[in-house]
Amino acid sequence: MNTERGYHSFVPSQLETRTLHGLLLGGIAPRPIALASTLDAQGRPNLAPFSYFNVFSASPPVVIFSPARRGKDGTTKHTYENVKVVPEVVINLVDHAMVHACSLASSDFPEGVNEFEKSGLTPLASQDVGPFRVAESPVSLECNVMRVEDLAKAPGAGALVICEVVRMHFRSDVMADGDHVDPWKLDLVGRCGGNAYVRVSGDALFEVPKPLQMVGMGVDQIPADIRESEVLTGAELVQLATLDQAPDETDVNEHKLLELADLFMEHEGDGKALELALHTKAQQEIQSGDVRRAWKTLLAFNAG
């Protein structure tokens, strides 16, 4: 490790696997959890969580999770062995009510032990694949395993289990209108480093409109006196830059006369104090989500 300009820098090849594993999981967070249900060659169920997981394609619908080899001896997990002989899996998403059961299912039980029974979770028959769904899960994805790709065979090495989703189940109470999922109702959890999880609900959720219908102007197009503000943060400048264009002069002057007159009178003759007051007001408007109003407040300083 070396420290330079406020950063701790590491070269993976120079680290022990345990240390590298901890840094990766601590720094790449939160991660969604795939509670994977499989069957072994004898038809016995297995259930295990994996946070090396995400969706990678919609056409075809593909999700990938990665059961890493055990760090001590490089042996493979039961889930990995199962999908090699029975190439089907149900990936169940984990909500807050399930998190302790999910953690218990991660125990390294002996081969053949039924983690549904150990964790207290309820097996539910799938429609298109053999492995069971988890009845308590808000979202379950029935999948065919397309292929398994080993990244290496050393301790801690992962394997990519590439899965095509053939049927999706969404619990009715997490759905919004028609075919839309309501993220405020899902109450999912994500995995962080060590023993830490994150709950995706309440104040942890926020919205950022996607710049799909218009192309943002970019920070470089913000006037220098605003871009170099003593008040506005970089994140707040970026929010200003998401608009395709600034308000026109007519809108700015109207805003100045109707809503900023008192502020201009209060700081008459003191341009610096007025500028700081306008930038502070604009900051509050940005934080409340009214970026266009903030633009008008900022531009009023130089308005005729």
C-alpha atoms as a PDB file:
ATOM      1  CA  MET A   1       0.000   0.000   0.000  1.00  0.00           C
ATOM      2  CA  ASN A   2       1.095   3.552  -0.593  1.00  0.00           C
ATOM      3  CA  THR A   3      -0.548   6.821   0.367  1.00  0.00           C
ATOM      4  CA  GLU A   4      -0.544   9.685  -2.100  1.00  0.00           C
ATOM      5  CA  ARG A   5      -2.621  12.862  -2.154  1.00  0.00           C
ATOM      6  CA  GLY A   6      -5.142  11.574   0.341  1.00  0.00           C
ATOM      7  CA  TYR A   7      -5.596   8.121  -1.207  1.00  0.00           C
ATOM      8  CA  HIS A   8      -4.653   4.644  -0.019  1.00  0.00           C
ATOM      9  CA  SER A   9      -3.522   2.756  -3.123  1.00  0.00           C
ATOM     10  CA  PHE A  10      -3.243  -1.023  -3.393  1.00  0.00           C
ATOM     11  CA  VAL A  11      -1.930  -3.418  -6.032  1.00  0.00           C
ATOM     12  CA  PRO A  12      -4.177  -6.537  -5.972  1.00  0.00           C
ATOM     13  CA  SER A  13      -1.336  -8.923  -6.835  1.00  0.00           C
ATOM     14  CA  GLN A  14       0.513  -7.790  -3.703  1.00  0.00           C
ATOM     15  CA  LEU A  15      -2.387  -8.484  -1.319  1.00  0.00           C
ATOM     16  CA  GLU A  16      -3.486 -11.636   0.455  1.00  0.00           C
ATOM     17  CA  THR A  17      -6.806 -12.904  -0.909  1.00  0.00           C
ATOM     18  CA  ARG A  18      -8.599 -12.224   2.367  1.00  0.00           C
ATOM     19  CA  THR A  19      -7.473  -8.584   2.410  1.00  0.00           C
ATOM     20  CA  LEU A  20      -8.286  -8.067  -1.264  1.00  0.00           C
ATOM     21  CA  HIS A  21     -11.708  -9.651  -0.782  1.00  0.00           C
ATOM     22  CA  GLY A  22     -12.489  -7.277   2.087  1.00  0.00           C
ATOM     23  CA  LEU A  23     -11.413  -4.199   0.155  1.00  0.00           C
ATOM     24  CA  LEU A  24     -13.459  -5.119  -2.907  1.00  0.00           C
ATOM     25  CA  LEU A  25     -16.614  -5.871  -0.924  1.00  0.00           C
ATOM     26  CA  GLY A  26     -16.157  -2.818   1.273  1.00  0.00           C
ATOM     27  CA  GLY A  27     -15.596  -0.448  -1.624  1.00  0.00           C
ATOM     28  CA  ILE A  28     -18.094  -1.822  -4.139  1.00  0.00           C
ATOM     29  CA  ALA A  29     -21.333  -1.391  -2.244  1.00  0.00           C
ATOM     30  CA  PRO A  30     -24.202  -1.781  -1.908  1.00  0.00           C
ATOM     31  CA  ARG A  31     -24.700  -4.933  -3.952  1.00  0.00           C
ATOM     32  CA  PRO A  32     -28.057  -6.638  -4.631  1.00  0.00           C
ATOM     33  CA  ILE A  33     -28.413 -10.125  -3.223  1.00  0.00           C
ATOM     34  CA  ALA A  34     -29.342 -13.202  -5.243  1.00  0.00           C
ATOM     35  CA  LEU A  35     -30.765 -15.860  -2.959  1.00  0.00           C
ATOM     36  CA  ALA A  36     -30.183 -18.751  -5.357  1.00  0.00           C
ATOM     37  CA  SER A  37     -32.296 -21.890  -5.208  1.00  0.00           C
ATOM     38  CA  THR A  38     -30.901 -24.979  -6.969  1.00  0.00           C
ATOM     39  CA  LEU A  39     -31.228 -28.767  -7.042  1.00  0.00           C
ATOM     40  CA  ASP A  40     -28.446 -31.323  -6.817  1.00  0.00           C
ATOM     41  CA  ALA A  41     -28.207 -34.489  -8.913  1.00  0.00           C
ATOM     42  CA  GLN A  42     -30.422 -36.338  -6.389  1.00  0.00           C
ATOM     43  CA  GLY A  43     -33.086 -33.628  -6.554  1.00  0.00           C
ATOM     44  CA  ARG A  44     -32.280 -32.229  -3.115  1.00  0.00           C
ATOM     45  CA  PRO A  45     -32.871 -28.459  -2.726  1.00  0.00           C
ATOM     46  CA  ASN A  46     -30.145 -25.972  -1.896  1.00  0.00           C
ATOM     47  CA  LEU A  47     -30.476 -22.284  -1.038  1.00  0.00           C
ATOM     48  CA  ALA A  48     -27.585 -19.811  -0.779  1.00  0.00           C
ATOM     49  CA  PRO A  49     -27.119 -16.009  -1.103  1.00  0.00           C
ATOM     50  CA  PHE A  50     -24.637 -14.308  -3.430  1.00  0.00           C
ATOM     51  CA  SER A  51     -23.942 -10.589  -3.621  1.00  0.00           C
ATOM     52  CA  TYR A  52     -21.808 -10.867  -6.742  1.00  0.00           C
ATOM     53  CA  PHE A  53     -24.995 -10.457  -8.756  1.00  0.00           C
ATOM     54  CA  ASN A  54     -26.826  -8.192 -11.189  1.00  0.00           C
ATOM     55  CA  VAL A  55     -28.892  -7.991 -14.403  1.00  0.00           C
ATOM     56  CA  PHE A  56     -26.958  -7.560 -17.656  1.00  0.00           C
ATOM     57  CA  SER A  57     -29.426  -7.781 -20.533  1.00  0.00           C
ATOM     58  CA  ALA A  58     -33.112  -7.379 -21.304  1.00  0.00           C
ATOM     59  CA  SER A  59     -33.110  -9.059 -24.717  1.00  0.00           C
ATOM     60  CA  PRO A  60     -32.447 -11.811 -23.933  1.00  0.00           C
ATOM     61  CA  PRO A  61     -33.187 -11.304 -20.230  1.00  0.00           C
ATOM     62  CA  VAL A  62     -29.921 -12.290 -18.538  1.00  0.00           C
ATOM     63  CA  VAL A  63     -28.791 -12.155 -14.941  1.00  0.00           C
ATOM     64  CA  ILE A  64     -25.394 -13.272 -13.658  1.00  0.00           C
ATOM     65  CA  PHE A  65     -24.272 -14.280 -10.203  1.00  0.00           C
ATOM     66  CA  SER A  66     -20.931 -15.555  -9.037  1.00  0.00           C
ATOM     67  CA  PRO A  67     -20.320 -18.270  -6.430  1.00  0.00           C
ATOM     68  CA  ALA A  68     -16.699 -17.744  -5.420  1.00  0.00           C
ATOM     69  CA  ARG A  69     -14.439 -20.605  -4.412  1.00  0.00           C
ATOM     70  CA  ARG A  70     -13.790 -20.961  -0.703  1.00  0.00           C
ATOM     71  CA  GLY A  71     -10.932 -18.749   0.390  1.00  0.00           C
ATOM     72  CA  LYS A  72      -9.288 -21.401   2.553  1.00  0.00           C
ATOM     73  CA  ASP A  73      -8.864 -24.247   0.099  1.00  0.00           C
ATOM     74  CA  GLY A  74     -10.301 -23.209  -3.277  1.00  0.00           C
ATOM     75  CA  THR A  75     -13.134 -25.744  -3.169  1.00  0.00           C
ATOM     76  CA  THR A  76     -16.418 -24.912  -4.883  1.00  0.00           C
ATOM     77  CA  LYS A  77     -19.801 -24.133  -3.320  1.00  0.00           C
ATOM     78  CA  HIS A  78     -22.776 -26.483  -3.556  1.00  0.00           C
ATOM     79  CA  THR A  79     -24.640 -23.983  -5.744  1.00  0.00           C
ATOM     80  CA  TYR A  80     -21.811 -24.062  -8.303  1.00  0.00           C
ATOM     81  CA  GLU A  81     -21.797 -27.857  -8.313  1.00  0.00           C
ATOM     82  CA  ASN A  82     -25.584 -28.026  -8.637  1.00  0.00           C
ATOM     83  CA  VAL A  83     -25.944 -25.739 -11.659  1.00  0.00           C
ATOM     84  CA  LYS A  84     -23.312 -27.797 -13.471  1.00  0.00           C
ATOM     85  CA  VAL A  85     -25.478 -30.944 -13.222  1.00  0.00           C
ATOM     86  CA  VAL A  86     -28.968 -29.381 -13.120  1.00  0.00           C
ATOM     87  CA  PRO A  87     -28.669 -26.164 -15.166  1.00  0.00           C
ATOM     88  CA  GLU A  88     -31.600 -24.339 -13.599  1.00  0.00           C
ATOM     89  CA  VAL A  89     -31.850 -21.773 -10.792  1.00  0.00           C
ATOM     90  CA  VAL A  90     -34.398 -19.513  -9.158  1.00  0.00           C
ATOM     91  CA  ILE A  91     -32.949 -16.179  -8.081  1.00  0.00           C
ATOM     92  CA  ASN A  92     -34.933 -14.688  -5.231  1.00  0.00           C
ATOM     93  CA  LEU A  93     -34.471 -11.055  -4.222  1.00  0.00           C
ATOM     94  CA  VAL A  94     -34.097 -10.372  -0.514  1.00  0.00           C
ATOM     95  CA  ASP A  95     -36.224  -7.859   1.374  1.00  0.00           C
ATOM     96  CA  HIS A  96     -35.692  -6.597   4.911  1.00  0.00           C
ATOM     97  CA  ALA A  97     -38.022  -9.163   6.465  1.00  0.00           C
ATOM     98  CA  MET A  98     -35.880 -11.971   5.001  1.00  0.00           C
ATOM     99  CA  VAL A  99     -32.403 -10.659   5.788  1.00  0.00           C
ATOM    100  CA  HIS A 100     -31.715 -12.794   8.866  1.00  0.00           C
ATOM    101  CA  ALA A 101     -32.996 -15.949   7.178  1.00  0.00           C
ATOM    102  CA  CYS A 102     -30.836 -15.110   4.166  1.00  0.00           C
ATOM    103  CA  SER A 103     -27.776 -14.713   6.379  1.00  0.00           C
ATOM    104  CA  LEU A 104     -28.460 -18.043   8.063  1.00  0.00           C
ATOM    105  CA  ALA A 105     -28.762 -19.727   4.660  1.00  0.00           C
ATOM    106  CA  SER A 106     -25.222 -18.539   3.894  1.00  0.00           C
ATOM    107  CA  SER A 107     -23.810 -20.923   6.512  1.00  0.00           C
ATOM    108  CA  ASP A 108     -21.531 -23.581   5.052  1.00  0.00           C
ATOM    109  CA  PHE A 109     -23.855 -26.503   5.784  1.00  0.00           C
ATOM    110  CA  PRO A 110     -22.796 -30.030   4.738  1.00  0.00           C
ATOM    111  CA  GLU A 111     -23.811 -31.315   1.306  1.00  0.00           C
ATOM    112  CA  GLY A 112     -27.442 -32.387   1.119  1.00  0.00           C
ATOM    113  CA  VAL A 113     -28.678 -30.182   3.962  1.00  0.00           C
ATOM    114  CA  ASN A 114     -31.874 -28.320   3.057  1.00  0.00           C
ATOM    115  CA  GLU A 115     -31.330 -24.602   3.693  1.00  0.00           C
ATOM    116  CA  PHE A 116     -35.070 -23.971   3.331  1.00  0.00           C
ATOM    117  CA  GLU A 117     -35.539 -25.970   6.518  1.00  0.00           C
ATOM    118  CA  LYS A 118     -32.545 -24.424   8.262  1.00  0.00           C
ATOM    119  CA  SER A 119     -33.543 -20.834   7.457  1.00  0.00           C
ATOM    120  CA  GLY A 120     -37.277 -21.249   7.979  1.00  0.00           C
ATOM    121  CA  LEU A 121     -38.017 -19.961   4.468  1.00  0.00           C
ATOM    122  CA  THR A 122     -40.897 -21.500   2.541  1.00  0.00           C
ATOM    123  CA  PRO A 123     -40.325 -23.477  -0.686  1.00  0.00           C
ATOM    124  CA  LEU A 124     -42.834 -22.725  -3.429  1.00  0.00           C
ATOM    125  CA  ALA A 125     -43.075 -24.793  -6.603  1.00  0.00           C
ATOM    126  CA  SER A 126     -41.797 -23.049  -9.716  1.00  0.00           C
ATOM    127  CA  GLN A 127     -43.678 -23.170 -13.008  1.00  0.00           C
ATOM    128  CA  ASP A 128     -40.944 -23.622 -15.611  1.00  0.00           C
ATOM    129  CA  VAL A 129     -37.900 -24.918 -13.724  1.00  0.00           C
ATOM    130  CA  GLY A 130     -37.239 -27.536 -11.070  1.00  0.00           C
ATOM    131  CA  PRO A 131     -35.744 -25.507  -8.175  1.00  0.00           C
ATOM    132  CA  PHE A 132     -38.160 -23.994  -5.682  1.00  0.00           C
ATOM    133  CA  ARG A 133     -38.992 -20.327  -5.348  1.00  0.00           C
ATOM    134  CA  VAL A 134     -38.830 -18.633  -1.946  1.00  0.00           C
ATOM    135  CA  ALA A 135     -42.408 -17.774  -1.001  1.00  0.00           C
ATOM    136  CA  GLU A 136     -41.317 -14.841   1.177  1.00  0.00           C
ATOM    137  CA  SER A 137     -39.350 -13.140  -1.613  1.00  0.00           C
ATOM    138  CA  PRO A 138     -40.912 -10.082  -3.297  1.00  0.00           C
ATOM    139  CA  VAL A 139     -39.273 -10.978  -6.633  1.00  0.00           C
ATOM    140  CA  SER A 140     -38.341 -14.425  -7.933  1.00  0.00           C
ATOM    141  CA  LEU A 141     -36.719 -15.146 -11.290  1.00  0.00           C
ATOM    142  CA  GLU A 142     -36.969 -18.622 -12.763  1.00  0.00           C
ATOM    143  CA  CYS A 143     -33.879 -19.160 -14.913  1.00  0.00           C
ATOM    144  CA  ASN A 144     -32.178 -21.597 -17.222  1.00  0.00           C
ATOM    145  CA  VAL A 145     -28.410 -21.628 -16.798  1.00  0.00           C
ATOM    146  CA  MET A 146     -26.887 -20.757 -20.166  1.00  0.00           C
ATOM    147  CA  ARG A 147     -23.310 -21.487 -19.146  1.00  0.00           C
ATOM    148  CA  VAL A 148     -20.857 -21.375 -16.259  1.00  0.00           C
ATOM    149  CA  GLU A 149     -17.516 -19.667 -16.805  1.00  0.00           C
ATOM    150  CA  ASP A 150     -14.679 -20.173 -14.340  1.00  0.00           C
ATOM    151  CA  LEU A 151     -12.540 -17.061 -13.922  1.00  0.00           C
ATOM    152  CA  ALA A 152      -9.782 -19.040 -12.201  1.00  0.00           C
ATOM    153  CA  LYS A 153      -9.372 -21.983  -9.840  1.00  0.00           C
ATOM    154  CA  ALA A 154      -7.456 -20.333  -7.023  1.00  0.00           C
ATOM    155  CA  PRO A 155      -8.978 -19.719  -3.560  1.00  0.00           C
ATOM    156  CA  GLY A 156     -11.433 -16.809  -3.757  1.00  0.00           C
ATOM    157  CA  ALA A 157     -11.809 -17.076  -7.546  1.00  0.00           C
ATOM    158  CA  GLY A 158     -15.275 -16.567  -8.935  1.00  0.00           C
ATOM    159  CA  ALA A 159     -17.316 -18.302 -11.589  1.00  0.00           C
ATOM    160  CA  LEU A 160     -19.931 -16.533 -13.696  1.00  0.00           C
ATOM    161  CA  VAL A 161     -23.257 -18.346 -13.691  1.00  0.00           C
ATOM    162  CA  ILE A 162     -24.975 -16.803 -16.707  1.00  0.00           C
ATOM    163  CA  CYS A 163     -28.730 -17.263 -16.532  1.00  0.00           C
ATOM    164  CA  GLU A 164     -31.604 -16.583 -18.893  1.00  0.00           C
ATOM    165  CA  VAL A 165     -34.785 -15.548 -17.125  1.00  0.00           C
ATOM    166  CA  VAL A 166     -37.733 -17.617 -18.372  1.00  0.00           C
ATOM    167  CA  ARG A 167     -40.387 -16.487 -15.892  1.00  0.00           C
ATOM    168  CA  MET A 168     -40.609 -13.632 -13.376  1.00  0.00           C
ATOM    169  CA  HIS A 169     -42.757 -13.450 -10.255  1.00  0.00           C
ATOM    170  CA  PHE A 170     -43.472 -10.132  -8.523  1.00  0.00           C
ATOM    171  CA  ARG A 171     -45.469 -10.118  -5.317  1.00  0.00           C
ATOM    172  CA  SER A 172     -48.624  -8.113  -5.972  1.00  0.00           C
ATOM    173  CA  ASP A 173     -48.107  -5.699  -3.088  1.00  0.00           C
ATOM    174  CA  VAL A 174     -44.844  -4.363  -4.608  1.00  0.00           C
ATOM    175  CA  MET A 175     -46.406  -3.454  -7.936  1.00  0.00           C
ATOM    176  CA  ALA A 176     -47.561   0.018  -8.940  1.00  0.00           C
ATOM    177  CA  ASP A 177     -49.708   0.656 -12.003  1.00  0.00           C
ATOM    178  CA  GLY A 178     -49.878  -2.318 -14.352  1.00  0.00           C
ATOM    179  CA  ASP A 179     -46.399  -3.636 -15.069  1.00  0.00           C
ATOM    180  CA  HIS A 180     -44.364  -1.186 -12.974  1.00  0.00           C
ATOM    181  CA  VAL A 181     -42.519  -2.083  -9.779  1.00  0.00           C
ATOM    182  CA  ASP A 182     -42.801   0.439  -6.935  1.00  0.00           C
ATOM    183  CA  PRO A 183     -39.298   0.789  -5.396  1.00  0.00           C
ATOM    184  CA  TRP A 184     -40.803   2.334  -2.251  1.00  0.00           C
ATOM    185  CA  LYS A 185     -42.712  -0.902  -1.605  1.00  0.00           C
ATOM    186  CA  LEU A 186     -39.949  -3.431  -2.349  1.00  0.00           C
ATOM    187  CA  ASP A 187     -37.982  -2.813   0.867  1.00  0.00           C
ATOM    188  CA  LEU A 188     -34.970  -4.667  -0.533  1.00  0.00           C
ATOM    189  CA  VAL A 189     -31.641  -4.967   1.238  1.00  0.00           C
ATOM    190  CA  GLY A 190     -28.169  -4.704  -0.257  1.00  0.00           C
ATOM    191  CA  ARG A 191     -24.846  -6.100   0.889  1.00  0.00           C
ATOM    192  CA  CYS A 192     -21.985  -3.885   1.970  1.00  0.00           C
ATOM    193  CA  GLY A 193     -18.605  -4.715   3.499  1.00  0.00           C
ATOM    194  CA  GLY A 194     -18.121  -6.823   6.619  1.00  0.00           C
ATOM    195  CA  ASN A 195     -21.404  -7.381   8.464  1.00  0.00           C
ATOM    196  CA  ALA A 196     -23.037  -4.281   6.986  1.00  0.00           C
ATOM    197  CA  TYR A 197     -26.227  -4.198   4.923  1.00  0.00           C
ATOM    198  CA  VAL A 198     -28.294  -1.330   3.571  1.00  0.00           C
ATOM    199  CA  ARG A 199     -32.076  -1.125   3.551  1.00  0.00           C
ATOM    200  CA  VAL A 200     -33.498   0.390   0.369  1.00  0.00           C
ATOM    201  CA  SER A 201     -36.508   2.169   1.815  1.00  0.00           C
ATOM    202  CA  GLY A 202     -37.695   5.436   3.307  1.00  0.00           C
ATOM    203  CA  ASP A 203     -35.190   8.259   3.223  1.00  0.00           C
ATOM    204  CA  ALA A 204     -32.595   5.976   1.608  1.00  0.00           C
ATOM    205  CA  LEU A 205     -34.554   6.310  -1.659  1.00  0.00           C
ATOM    206  CA  PHE A 206     -34.440   9.436  -3.797  1.00  0.00           C
ATOM    207  CA  GLU A 207     -35.099  10.283  -7.416  1.00  0.00           C
ATOM    208  CA  VAL A 208     -32.840  11.783 -10.073  1.00  0.00           C
ATOM    209  CA  PRO A 209     -34.661  12.474 -13.371  1.00  0.00           C
ATOM    210  CA  LYS A 210     -32.937  10.810 -16.317  1.00  0.00           C
ATOM    211  CA  PRO A 211     -31.725  13.231 -19.032  1.00  0.00           C
ATOM    212  CA  LEU A 212     -33.456  11.275 -21.784  1.00  0.00           C
ATOM    213  CA  GLN A 213     -35.798  13.817 -23.372  1.00  0.00           C
ATOM    214  CA  MET A 214     -33.245  16.621 -23.316  1.00  0.00           C
ATOM    215  CA  VAL A 215     -29.469  16.858 -23.299  1.00  0.00           C
ATOM    216  CA  GLY A 216     -28.097  18.788 -20.338  1.00  0.00           C
ATOM    217  CA  MET A 217     -26.004  21.875 -21.103  1.00  0.00           C
ATOM    218  CA  GLY A 218     -23.048  20.664 -19.018  1.00  0.00           C
ATOM    219  CA  VAL A 219     -21.099  22.362 -16.250  1.00  0.00           C
ATOM    220  CA  ASP A 220     -18.793  24.035 -18.765  1.00  0.00           C
ATOM    221  CA  GLN A 221     -21.712  26.157 -20.025  1.00  0.00           C
ATOM    222  CA  ILE A 222     -22.524  27.658 -16.625  1.00  0.00           C
ATOM    223  CA  PRO A 223     -21.386  31.307 -16.393  1.00  0.00           C
ATOM    224  CA  ALA A 224     -18.050  31.661 -14.608  1.00  0.00           C
ATOM    225  CA  ASP A 225     -19.398  33.792 -11.745  1.00  0.00           C
ATOM    226  CA  ILE A 226     -21.859  30.987 -10.903  1.00  0.00           C
ATOM    227  CA  ARG A 227     -19.432  28.142 -11.584  1.00  0.00           C
ATOM    228  CA  GLU A 228     -16.933  29.720  -9.170  1.00  0.00           C
ATOM    229  CA  SER A 229     -19.538  30.303  -6.455  1.00  0.00           C
ATOM    230  CA  GLU A 230     -18.409  30.405  -2.839  1.00  0.00           C
ATOM    231  CA  VAL A 231     -21.701  28.827  -1.820  1.00  0.00           C
ATOM    232  CA  LEU A 232     -22.722  26.209  -4.381  1.00  0.00           C
ATOM    233  CA  THR A 233     -21.175  22.761  -4.228  1.00  0.00           C
ATOM    234  CA  GLY A 234     -19.993  20.765  -7.216  1.00  0.00           C
ATOM    235  CA  ALA A 235     -23.019  18.493  -6.919  1.00  0.00           C
ATOM    236  CA  GLU A 236     -25.333  21.499  -6.990  1.00  0.00           C
ATOM    237  CA  LEU A 237     -23.603  22.922 -10.053  1.00  0.00           C
ATOM    238  CA  VAL A 238     -24.149  19.595 -11.795  1.00  0.00           C
ATOM    239  CA  GLN A 239     -27.868  19.837 -11.062  1.00  0.00           C
ATOM    240  CA  LEU A 240     -27.910  23.266 -12.701  1.00  0.00           C
ATOM    241  CA  ALA A 241     -26.097  21.758 -15.697  1.00  0.00           C
ATOM    242  CA  THR A 242     -28.768  19.097 -16.248  1.00  0.00           C
ATOM    243  CA  LEU A 243     -31.115  21.661 -17.848  1.00  0.00           C
ATOM    244  CA  ASP A 244     -30.799  22.009 -21.602  1.00  0.00           C
ATOM    245  CA  GLN A 245     -30.752  25.812 -21.372  1.00  0.00           C
ATOM    246  CA  ALA A 246     -30.932  28.594 -18.813  1.00  0.00           C
ATOM    247  CA  PRO A 247     -34.139  30.647 -18.375  1.00  0.00           C
ATOM    248  CA  ASP A 248     -34.427  33.582 -20.758  1.00  0.00           C
ATOM    249  CA  GLU A 249     -33.983  37.233 -19.798  1.00  0.00           C
ATOM    250  CA  THR A 250     -37.717  37.908 -19.616  1.00  0.00           C
ATOM    251  CA  ASP A 251     -38.296  35.117 -17.089  1.00  0.00           C
ATOM    252  CA  VAL A 252     -35.293  36.216 -15.021  1.00  0.00           C
ATOM    253  CA  ASN A 253     -36.437  39.862 -14.848  1.00  0.00           C
ATOM    254  CA  GLU A 254     -39.969  38.861 -13.901  1.00  0.00           C
ATOM    255  CA  HIS A 255     -38.588  36.610 -11.146  1.00  0.00           C
ATOM    256  CA  LYS A 256     -36.360  39.446  -9.913  1.00  0.00           C
ATOM    257  CA  LEU A 257     -39.236  41.925  -9.684  1.00  0.00           C
ATOM    258  CA  LEU A 258     -41.810  39.610  -8.173  1.00  0.00           C
ATOM    259  CA  GLU A 259     -39.780  37.427  -5.826  1.00  0.00           C
ATOM    260  CA  LEU A 260     -36.383  39.005  -5.189  1.00  0.00           C
ATOM    261  CA  ALA A 261     -37.188  42.677  -4.700  1.00  0.00           C
ATOM    262  CA  ASP A 262     -36.838  42.531  -0.910  1.00  0.00           C
ATOM    263  CA  LEU A 263     -33.479  40.791  -1.185  1.00  0.00           C
ATOM    264  CA  PHE A 264     -32.158  43.426  -3.579  1.00  0.00           C
ATOM    265  CA  MET A 265     -33.374  46.232  -1.310  1.00  0.00           C
ATOM    266  CA  GLU A 266     -31.825  44.624   1.764  1.00  0.00           C
ATOM    267  CA  HIS A 267     -28.376  44.480   0.154  1.00  0.00           C
ATOM    268  CA  GLU A 268     -28.555  47.646  -1.932  1.00  0.00           C
ATOM    269  CA  GLY A 269     -25.064  49.034  -2.478  1.00  0.00           C
ATOM    270  CA  ASP A 270     -23.303  45.858  -1.323  1.00  0.00           C
ATOM    271  CA  GLY A 271     -22.812  43.692  -4.403  1.00  0.00           C
ATOM    272  CA  LYS A 272     -20.832  40.989  -2.607  1.00  0.00           C
ATOM    273  CA  ALA A 273     -23.436  40.498   0.099  1.00  0.00           C
ATOM    274  CA  LEU A 274     -26.196  40.448  -2.530  1.00  0.00           C
ATOM    275  CA  GLU A 275     -24.384  37.817  -4.571  1.00  0.00           C
ATOM    276  CA  LEU A 276     -23.879  35.601  -1.514  1.00  0.00           C
ATOM    277  CA  ALA A 277     -27.537  36.017  -0.543  1.00  0.00           C
ATOM    278  CA  LEU A 278     -28.724  35.083  -4.035  1.00  0.00           C
ATOM    279  CA  HIS A 279     -26.429  32.059  -4.178  1.00  0.00           C
ATOM    280  CA  THR A 280     -27.624  30.922  -0.749  1.00  0.00           C
ATOM    281  CA  LYS A 281     -31.259  31.253  -1.841  1.00  0.00           C
ATOM    282  CA  ALA A 282     -30.509  29.392  -5.072  1.00  0.00           C
ATOM    283  CA  GLN A 283     -28.829  26.630  -3.075  1.00  0.00           C
ATOM    284  CA  GLN A 284     -31.995  26.197  -1.028  1.00  0.00           C
ATOM    285  CA  GLU A 285     -34.059  26.066  -4.218  1.00  0.00           C
ATOM    286  CA  ILE A 286     -31.780  23.406  -5.709  1.00  0.00           C
ATOM    287  CA  GLN A 287     -32.023  21.340  -2.536  1.00  0.00           C
ATOM    288  CA  SER A 288     -35.816  21.562  -2.681  1.00  0.00           C
ATOM    289  CA  GLY A 289     -35.745  20.315  -6.289  1.00  0.00           C
ATOM    290  CA  ASP A 290     -36.610  23.569  -8.088  1.00  0.00           C
ATOM    291  CA  VAL A 291     -33.550  23.886 -10.321  1.00  0.00           C
ATOM    292  CA  ARG A 292     -35.165  26.229 -12.847  1.00  0.00           C
ATOM    293  CA  ARG A 293     -36.111  28.695 -10.099  1.00  0.00           C
ATOM    294  CA  ALA A 294     -32.542  28.505  -8.781  1.00  0.00           C
ATOM    295  CA  TRP A 295     -31.257  29.439 -12.243  1.00  0.00           C
ATOM    296  CA  LYS A 296     -33.482  32.540 -12.295  1.00  0.00           C
ATOM    297  CA  THR A 297     -32.299  33.521  -8.829  1.00  0.00           C
ATOM    298  CA  LEU A 298     -28.648  33.217  -9.841  1.00  0.00           C
ATOM    299  CA  LEU A 299     -29.042  35.085 -13.119  1.00  0.00           C
ATOM    300  CA  ALA A 300     -30.934  37.911 -11.407  1.00  0.00           C
ATOM    301  CA  PHE A 301     -27.635  39.225 -10.022  1.00  0.00           C
ATOM    302  CA  ASN A 302     -26.577  40.478 -13.467  1.00  0.00           C
ATOM    303  CA  ALA A 303     -30.068  41.054 -14.863  1.00  0.00           C
ATOM    304  CA  GLY A 304     -30.977  44.479 -16.206  1.00  0.00           C
END
